[in-house]
N, C-alpha and C. Protein backbone atom coordinates (compact mmCIF):
# COMPACT_ATOMS: atom_id res chain seq x y z
N MET A 1 -0.40 -9.84 18.28
CA MET A 1 -0.70 -8.55 17.70
C MET A 1 -0.75 -7.47 18.78
N ASN A 2 -0.23 -7.80 19.94
CA ASN A 2 -0.24 -6.88 21.07
C ASN A 2 0.43 -5.55 20.75
N SER A 3 1.55 -5.57 20.01
CA SER A 3 2.25 -4.33 19.67
C SER A 3 1.36 -3.40 18.86
N ILE A 4 0.58 -3.98 17.96
CA ILE A 4 -0.31 -3.19 17.12
C ILE A 4 -1.43 -2.59 17.95
N ASP A 5 -2.05 -3.41 18.77
CA ASP A 5 -3.14 -2.93 19.64
C ASP A 5 -2.64 -1.82 20.56
N GLN A 6 -1.45 -2.00 21.10
CA GLN A 6 -0.84 -1.00 21.99
C GLN A 6 -0.57 0.29 21.23
N PHE A 7 -0.03 0.19 20.02
CA PHE A 7 0.25 1.37 19.21
C PHE A 7 -1.01 2.18 18.96
N VAL A 8 -2.07 1.50 18.55
CA VAL A 8 -3.33 2.20 18.26
C VAL A 8 -3.88 2.84 19.53
N LYS A 9 -3.81 2.14 20.64
CA LYS A 9 -4.30 2.67 21.91
C LYS A 9 -3.50 3.90 22.33
N ASN A 10 -2.17 3.83 22.19
CA ASN A 10 -1.30 4.93 22.63
C ASN A 10 -1.29 6.12 21.68
N TRP A 11 -1.33 5.85 20.38
CA TRP A 11 -1.02 6.89 19.41
C TRP A 11 -2.13 7.20 18.43
N GLY A 12 -3.08 6.34 18.25
CA GLY A 12 -4.14 6.59 17.27
C GLY A 12 -4.95 7.82 17.67
N SER A 13 -5.26 8.66 16.69
CA SER A 13 -6.06 9.85 17.00
C SER A 13 -7.45 9.40 17.43
N LYS A 14 -8.14 10.27 18.05
CA LYS A 14 -9.47 9.94 18.57
C LYS A 14 -10.54 9.94 17.49
N ASN A 15 -10.15 10.31 16.25
CA ASN A 15 -11.10 10.25 15.14
C ASN A 15 -11.49 8.81 14.88
N VAL A 16 -12.69 8.61 14.41
CA VAL A 16 -13.17 7.27 14.13
C VAL A 16 -12.39 6.69 12.96
N MET A 17 -11.81 5.52 13.18
CA MET A 17 -11.11 4.82 12.11
C MET A 17 -12.04 3.74 11.58
N VAL A 18 -12.01 3.54 10.28
CA VAL A 18 -12.86 2.54 9.65
C VAL A 18 -12.00 1.38 9.17
N PRO A 19 -12.23 0.18 9.72
CA PRO A 19 -11.45 -0.97 9.26
C PRO A 19 -11.61 -1.18 7.75
N ILE A 20 -10.54 -1.64 7.13
CA ILE A 20 -10.54 -1.87 5.69
C ILE A 20 -10.92 -3.32 5.42
N ASN A 21 -11.81 -3.50 4.48
CA ASN A 21 -12.31 -4.82 4.11
C ASN A 21 -11.17 -5.67 3.56
N ARG A 22 -11.11 -6.94 3.98
CA ARG A 22 -10.07 -7.87 3.53
C ARG A 22 -10.10 -8.05 2.01
N ASP A 23 -11.28 -8.00 1.40
CA ASP A 23 -11.36 -8.13 -0.06
C ASP A 23 -10.63 -6.98 -0.75
N ASP A 24 -10.71 -5.79 -0.17
CA ASP A 24 -10.01 -4.64 -0.73
C ASP A 24 -8.49 -4.79 -0.59
N ILE A 25 -8.06 -5.37 0.51
CA ILE A 25 -6.63 -5.63 0.71
C ILE A 25 -6.16 -6.68 -0.29
N ASP A 26 -6.96 -7.74 -0.47
CA ASP A 26 -6.63 -8.78 -1.45
C ASP A 26 -6.52 -8.18 -2.86
N GLU A 27 -7.41 -7.26 -3.17
CA GLU A 27 -7.40 -6.61 -4.48
C GLU A 27 -6.12 -5.80 -4.67
N LEU A 28 -5.69 -5.08 -3.63
CA LEU A 28 -4.45 -4.32 -3.70
C LEU A 28 -3.26 -5.26 -3.92
N GLU A 29 -3.22 -6.34 -3.17
CA GLU A 29 -2.13 -7.29 -3.33
C GLU A 29 -2.09 -7.84 -4.76
N SER A 30 -3.24 -8.11 -5.31
CA SER A 30 -3.32 -8.61 -6.68
C SER A 30 -2.80 -7.56 -7.66
N LYS A 31 -3.19 -6.32 -7.47
CA LYS A 31 -2.74 -5.21 -8.32
C LYS A 31 -1.23 -5.02 -8.24
N LEU A 32 -0.69 -5.16 -7.03
CA LEU A 32 0.74 -4.99 -6.82
C LEU A 32 1.53 -6.23 -7.23
N GLY A 33 0.85 -7.38 -7.25
CA GLY A 33 1.52 -8.64 -7.56
C GLY A 33 2.43 -9.12 -6.44
N LEU A 34 1.99 -8.90 -5.20
CA LEU A 34 2.78 -9.31 -4.03
C LEU A 34 1.87 -9.53 -2.84
N LEU A 35 2.46 -10.00 -1.75
CA LEU A 35 1.72 -10.23 -0.51
C LEU A 35 2.23 -9.30 0.58
N LEU A 36 1.35 -8.53 1.14
CA LEU A 36 1.70 -7.65 2.25
C LEU A 36 1.78 -8.47 3.53
N PRO A 37 2.59 -8.03 4.51
CA PRO A 37 2.73 -8.81 5.74
C PRO A 37 1.43 -8.87 6.55
N ASP A 38 1.23 -10.02 7.19
CA ASP A 38 0.02 -10.26 7.97
C ASP A 38 -0.20 -9.21 9.07
N VAL A 39 0.86 -8.77 9.71
CA VAL A 39 0.72 -7.81 10.81
C VAL A 39 0.19 -6.46 10.31
N TYR A 40 0.65 -6.06 9.14
CA TYR A 40 0.14 -4.82 8.53
C TYR A 40 -1.32 -4.99 8.15
N LYS A 41 -1.66 -6.13 7.56
CA LYS A 41 -3.05 -6.38 7.18
C LYS A 41 -3.94 -6.44 8.41
N TYR A 42 -3.42 -6.97 9.53
CA TYR A 42 -4.19 -6.98 10.78
C TYR A 42 -4.50 -5.54 11.22
N LEU A 43 -3.48 -4.67 11.18
CA LEU A 43 -3.68 -3.28 11.61
C LEU A 43 -4.78 -2.60 10.80
N ILE A 44 -4.67 -2.65 9.48
CA ILE A 44 -5.63 -1.90 8.67
C ILE A 44 -7.00 -2.57 8.59
N SER A 45 -7.05 -3.90 8.73
CA SER A 45 -8.36 -4.57 8.68
C SER A 45 -9.07 -4.54 10.04
N THR A 46 -8.33 -4.35 11.10
CA THR A 46 -8.92 -4.28 12.44
C THR A 46 -9.24 -2.84 12.83
N TYR A 47 -8.32 -1.92 12.53
CA TYR A 47 -8.47 -0.54 12.98
C TYR A 47 -8.70 0.47 11.85
N GLY A 48 -8.15 0.23 10.71
CA GLY A 48 -8.25 1.18 9.61
C GLY A 48 -6.97 1.98 9.48
N LEU A 49 -7.09 3.17 8.91
CA LEU A 49 -5.94 4.03 8.65
C LEU A 49 -5.66 4.88 9.88
N VAL A 50 -4.61 4.52 10.57
CA VAL A 50 -4.26 5.19 11.82
C VAL A 50 -3.60 6.54 11.51
N HIS A 51 -4.08 7.57 12.18
CA HIS A 51 -3.49 8.91 12.14
C HIS A 51 -2.88 9.14 13.52
N SER A 52 -1.57 9.39 13.56
CA SER A 52 -0.88 9.47 14.86
C SER A 52 -0.04 10.75 14.98
N PRO A 53 -0.68 11.92 15.01
CA PRO A 53 0.06 13.18 15.06
C PRO A 53 0.85 13.39 16.35
N ASN A 54 0.47 12.74 17.43
CA ASN A 54 1.15 12.95 18.70
C ASN A 54 2.50 12.27 18.80
N VAL A 55 2.79 11.35 17.87
CA VAL A 55 4.10 10.71 17.86
C VAL A 55 5.19 11.75 17.65
N LEU A 56 4.98 12.67 16.71
CA LEU A 56 5.98 13.70 16.42
C LEU A 56 6.26 14.55 17.65
N THR A 57 5.23 14.95 18.35
CA THR A 57 5.40 15.77 19.56
C THR A 57 6.26 15.03 20.58
N LYS A 58 5.96 13.76 20.78
CA LYS A 58 6.71 12.96 21.77
C LYS A 58 8.16 12.77 21.33
N VAL A 59 8.38 12.47 20.05
CA VAL A 59 9.73 12.30 19.52
C VAL A 59 10.54 13.59 19.73
N CYS A 60 9.93 14.73 19.45
CA CYS A 60 10.61 16.02 19.63
C CYS A 60 10.87 16.30 21.11
N ASP A 61 9.88 16.05 21.97
CA ASP A 61 10.03 16.29 23.41
C ASP A 61 11.19 15.48 23.98
N LEU A 62 11.34 14.24 23.49
CA LEU A 62 12.38 13.34 24.00
C LEU A 62 13.69 13.48 23.24
N ASN A 63 13.68 14.31 22.18
CA ASN A 63 14.85 14.44 21.32
C ASN A 63 15.30 13.07 20.81
N SER A 64 14.33 12.27 20.44
CA SER A 64 14.59 10.91 19.97
C SER A 64 14.97 10.92 18.50
N ASP A 65 15.76 9.94 18.08
CA ASP A 65 16.14 9.86 16.67
C ASP A 65 15.23 8.92 15.88
N VAL A 66 14.11 8.53 16.47
CA VAL A 66 13.12 7.71 15.78
C VAL A 66 12.38 8.58 14.77
N SER A 67 12.23 8.09 13.55
CA SER A 67 11.46 8.81 12.53
C SER A 67 9.98 8.66 12.82
N ALA A 68 9.31 9.76 13.03
CA ALA A 68 7.92 9.74 13.50
C ALA A 68 6.93 9.44 12.38
N VAL A 69 6.11 8.44 12.59
CA VAL A 69 5.04 8.12 11.64
C VAL A 69 3.85 9.03 11.95
N GLN A 70 3.17 9.49 10.91
CA GLN A 70 1.99 10.32 11.14
C GLN A 70 0.73 9.70 10.56
N ASP A 71 0.80 9.21 9.33
CA ASP A 71 -0.40 8.69 8.67
C ASP A 71 -0.13 7.40 7.95
N PHE A 72 -1.04 6.45 8.10
CA PHE A 72 -1.01 5.25 7.28
C PHE A 72 -1.79 5.56 6.01
N LEU A 73 -1.25 5.15 4.89
CA LEU A 73 -1.82 5.50 3.59
C LEU A 73 -3.05 4.68 3.26
N SER A 74 -3.97 5.30 2.52
CA SER A 74 -5.13 4.56 2.00
C SER A 74 -4.60 3.53 1.00
N LEU A 75 -5.41 2.53 0.70
CA LEU A 75 -4.99 1.50 -0.25
C LEU A 75 -4.71 2.11 -1.63
N GLU A 76 -5.51 3.09 -2.01
CA GLU A 76 -5.28 3.77 -3.28
C GLU A 76 -3.93 4.47 -3.27
N ASP A 77 -3.60 5.12 -2.16
CA ASP A 77 -2.32 5.82 -2.06
C ASP A 77 -1.14 4.85 -1.98
N VAL A 78 -1.33 3.70 -1.34
CA VAL A 78 -0.26 2.70 -1.32
C VAL A 78 0.16 2.39 -2.76
N TYR A 79 -0.83 2.16 -3.59
CA TYR A 79 -0.55 1.81 -4.98
C TYR A 79 0.01 3.01 -5.77
N SER A 80 -0.72 4.11 -5.78
CA SER A 80 -0.35 5.23 -6.65
C SER A 80 0.91 5.96 -6.17
N LEU A 81 1.05 6.17 -4.87
CA LEU A 81 2.24 6.87 -4.38
C LEU A 81 3.51 6.03 -4.51
N SER A 82 3.38 4.71 -4.39
CA SER A 82 4.55 3.85 -4.60
C SER A 82 5.08 4.05 -6.01
N LYS A 83 4.19 4.11 -6.98
CA LYS A 83 4.58 4.33 -8.39
C LYS A 83 5.11 5.77 -8.58
N LEU A 84 4.39 6.74 -8.03
CA LEU A 84 4.77 8.14 -8.19
C LEU A 84 6.14 8.43 -7.57
N TYR A 85 6.38 7.94 -6.37
CA TYR A 85 7.66 8.19 -5.70
C TYR A 85 8.81 7.55 -6.48
N GLU A 86 8.58 6.37 -7.07
CA GLU A 86 9.62 5.76 -7.89
C GLU A 86 9.92 6.64 -9.10
N MET A 87 8.87 7.18 -9.71
CA MET A 87 9.06 8.04 -10.88
C MET A 87 9.78 9.34 -10.53
N SER A 88 9.68 9.75 -9.26
CA SER A 88 10.32 11.00 -8.85
C SER A 88 11.65 10.80 -8.13
N GLY A 89 12.20 9.57 -8.21
CA GLY A 89 13.55 9.38 -7.68
C GLY A 89 13.75 8.36 -6.57
N MET A 90 12.69 7.85 -5.97
CA MET A 90 12.87 6.83 -4.93
C MET A 90 13.45 5.57 -5.58
N PRO A 91 14.43 4.93 -4.95
CA PRO A 91 14.94 3.68 -5.51
C PRO A 91 13.80 2.68 -5.74
N LYS A 92 13.88 1.95 -6.83
CA LYS A 92 12.82 1.00 -7.20
C LYS A 92 12.75 -0.16 -6.21
N GLY A 93 11.56 -0.77 -6.15
CA GLY A 93 11.41 -1.98 -5.37
C GLY A 93 10.87 -1.79 -3.97
N HIS A 94 10.06 -0.73 -3.76
CA HIS A 94 9.50 -0.48 -2.43
C HIS A 94 8.00 -0.21 -2.52
N ILE A 95 7.28 -0.65 -1.50
CA ILE A 95 5.84 -0.41 -1.39
C ILE A 95 5.62 0.48 -0.17
N LEU A 96 5.15 1.69 -0.41
CA LEU A 96 4.90 2.64 0.68
C LEU A 96 3.65 2.24 1.45
N PHE A 97 3.66 2.51 2.76
CA PHE A 97 2.45 2.23 3.54
C PHE A 97 2.12 3.32 4.57
N ALA A 98 3.08 4.19 4.88
CA ALA A 98 2.83 5.25 5.86
C ALA A 98 3.78 6.41 5.60
N SER A 99 3.41 7.58 6.13
CA SER A 99 4.23 8.78 5.93
C SER A 99 4.52 9.47 7.26
N ASP A 100 5.56 10.30 7.21
CA ASP A 100 5.79 11.20 8.34
C ASP A 100 5.16 12.54 7.96
N CYS A 101 5.49 13.60 8.66
CA CYS A 101 4.86 14.89 8.37
C CYS A 101 5.62 15.70 7.32
N LYS A 102 6.70 15.14 6.76
CA LYS A 102 7.55 15.89 5.82
C LYS A 102 7.56 15.29 4.41
N GLY A 103 6.71 14.33 4.14
CA GLY A 103 6.70 13.70 2.82
C GLY A 103 7.63 12.52 2.69
N ASN A 104 8.29 12.15 3.77
CA ASN A 104 9.10 10.94 3.79
C ASN A 104 8.16 9.76 4.01
N MET A 105 8.60 8.57 3.61
CA MET A 105 7.71 7.41 3.63
C MET A 105 8.32 6.19 4.30
N PHE A 106 7.44 5.42 4.91
CA PHE A 106 7.80 4.11 5.45
C PHE A 106 7.33 3.08 4.43
N CYS A 107 8.13 2.03 4.24
CA CYS A 107 7.80 1.09 3.18
C CYS A 107 8.31 -0.31 3.49
N PHE A 108 7.82 -1.25 2.69
CA PHE A 108 8.31 -2.62 2.67
C PHE A 108 9.07 -2.80 1.36
N LYS A 109 10.04 -3.70 1.33
CA LYS A 109 10.72 -4.02 0.08
C LYS A 109 9.88 -5.01 -0.69
N VAL A 110 9.74 -4.77 -1.99
CA VAL A 110 8.98 -5.67 -2.85
C VAL A 110 9.53 -7.08 -2.77
N ALA A 111 10.85 -7.23 -2.77
CA ALA A 111 11.48 -8.55 -2.72
C ALA A 111 11.08 -9.32 -1.46
N ASP A 112 10.88 -8.60 -0.35
CA ASP A 112 10.47 -9.26 0.90
C ASP A 112 9.02 -9.72 0.83
N CYS A 113 8.23 -9.11 -0.03
CA CYS A 113 6.80 -9.40 -0.14
C CYS A 113 6.50 -10.52 -1.13
N ALA A 114 7.53 -11.18 -1.63
CA ALA A 114 7.34 -12.24 -2.64
C ALA A 114 6.60 -13.44 -2.07
N ASN A 115 6.83 -13.74 -0.81
CA ASN A 115 6.18 -14.88 -0.16
C ASN A 115 5.28 -14.39 0.96
N ASN A 116 4.34 -15.22 1.34
CA ASN A 116 3.45 -14.86 2.44
C ASN A 116 4.26 -14.82 3.73
N GLN A 117 4.36 -13.64 4.30
CA GLN A 117 5.15 -13.44 5.51
C GLN A 117 4.27 -12.87 6.62
N THR A 118 4.51 -13.31 7.82
CA THR A 118 3.79 -12.77 8.96
C THR A 118 4.24 -11.35 9.25
N ASP A 119 5.56 -11.11 9.18
CA ASP A 119 6.12 -9.81 9.53
C ASP A 119 7.32 -9.54 8.63
N LEU A 120 7.56 -8.29 8.30
CA LEU A 120 8.66 -7.91 7.41
C LEU A 120 9.39 -6.68 7.94
N PRO A 121 10.65 -6.50 7.52
CA PRO A 121 11.39 -5.29 7.89
C PRO A 121 10.70 -4.04 7.36
N VAL A 122 10.92 -2.93 8.06
CA VAL A 122 10.38 -1.63 7.65
C VAL A 122 11.55 -0.76 7.21
N TRP A 123 11.34 -0.08 6.10
CA TRP A 123 12.34 0.79 5.51
C TRP A 123 11.81 2.21 5.50
N PHE A 124 12.72 3.19 5.50
CA PHE A 124 12.37 4.60 5.51
C PHE A 124 12.96 5.28 4.29
N TYR A 125 12.09 5.88 3.49
CA TYR A 125 12.55 6.65 2.33
C TYR A 125 12.65 8.12 2.73
N ASP A 126 13.87 8.62 2.74
CA ASP A 126 14.14 10.03 3.04
C ASP A 126 14.12 10.78 1.71
N GLN A 127 13.07 11.54 1.50
CA GLN A 127 12.86 12.24 0.24
C GLN A 127 13.99 13.24 -0.05
N GLY A 128 14.45 13.93 0.97
CA GLY A 128 15.52 14.92 0.80
C GLY A 128 16.83 14.29 0.36
N LEU A 129 17.16 13.15 0.94
CA LEU A 129 18.40 12.47 0.60
C LEU A 129 18.25 11.53 -0.60
N GLY A 130 17.00 11.16 -0.91
CA GLY A 130 16.75 10.23 -2.00
C GLY A 130 17.23 8.82 -1.69
N SER A 131 17.23 8.48 -0.41
CA SER A 131 17.76 7.16 -0.01
C SER A 131 16.75 6.39 0.84
N VAL A 132 16.93 5.08 0.84
CA VAL A 132 16.08 4.19 1.64
C VAL A 132 16.98 3.46 2.63
N ALA A 133 16.57 3.44 3.91
CA ALA A 133 17.35 2.77 4.95
C ALA A 133 16.41 1.95 5.84
N LYS A 134 16.90 0.82 6.29
CA LYS A 134 16.12 -0.03 7.19
C LYS A 134 16.02 0.64 8.55
N VAL A 135 14.78 0.73 9.08
CA VAL A 135 14.59 1.34 10.40
C VAL A 135 14.14 0.32 11.44
N ALA A 136 13.75 -0.88 11.00
CA ALA A 136 13.36 -1.93 11.94
C ALA A 136 13.40 -3.28 11.23
N ASN A 137 13.72 -4.30 11.98
CA ASN A 137 13.78 -5.66 11.42
C ASN A 137 12.41 -6.26 11.18
N SER A 138 11.37 -5.63 11.74
CA SER A 138 10.01 -6.11 11.54
C SER A 138 9.03 -4.97 11.78
N PHE A 139 7.82 -5.12 11.24
CA PHE A 139 6.76 -4.14 11.45
C PHE A 139 6.44 -4.03 12.94
N THR A 140 6.39 -5.17 13.61
CA THR A 140 6.11 -5.20 15.05
C THR A 140 7.19 -4.46 15.83
N GLU A 141 8.45 -4.72 15.48
CA GLU A 141 9.56 -4.02 16.14
C GLU A 141 9.48 -2.52 15.88
N TRP A 142 9.10 -2.15 14.67
CA TRP A 142 8.96 -0.74 14.32
C TRP A 142 7.91 -0.07 15.20
N LEU A 143 6.74 -0.70 15.35
CA LEU A 143 5.69 -0.13 16.20
C LEU A 143 6.13 -0.07 17.66
N ASP A 144 6.88 -1.07 18.09
CA ASP A 144 7.37 -1.09 19.48
C ASP A 144 8.28 0.10 19.79
N GLN A 145 8.98 0.63 18.78
CA GLN A 145 9.79 1.83 18.99
C GLN A 145 8.93 2.98 19.51
N PHE A 146 7.73 3.08 18.96
CA PHE A 146 6.81 4.15 19.38
C PHE A 146 6.15 3.80 20.71
N ASN A 147 5.85 2.53 20.91
CA ASN A 147 5.23 2.11 22.17
C ASN A 147 6.15 2.33 23.36
N GLU A 148 7.46 2.34 23.09
CA GLU A 148 8.44 2.51 24.17
C GLU A 148 8.75 3.98 24.48
N LEU A 149 8.20 4.90 23.67
CA LEU A 149 8.46 6.33 23.91
C LEU A 149 7.79 6.81 25.17
């Protein structure tokens, strides 16, 4: 889980983050009817909802083509926004977990969440284009993109 710890150390805002109770995560998984990846559950149960506004500044300074993450969604938002975004045009079959500063979302594919997985690919929903594209082969690889900035 070194990539996660490094990400939080490098990019997490200095505001106090409150770890999310595992029972609440289990409840969300039950509501969604799927299993979220262990690495994501480690992040939110160990650190809480990470706010990382400085990623955007660094991405812009470096003129990087990495899509900057800003906020990890609350469990309530994971559920409700996943449904809302589908109703407003996002292709079906995605679970949102984080956003950038423009209303675009990072997500997991529902099909990938069918089995208990340690790590899963990360997808990016571009609201303007109405499309979803893979941005990393795993959550850990996705966080490493930011750790390498």
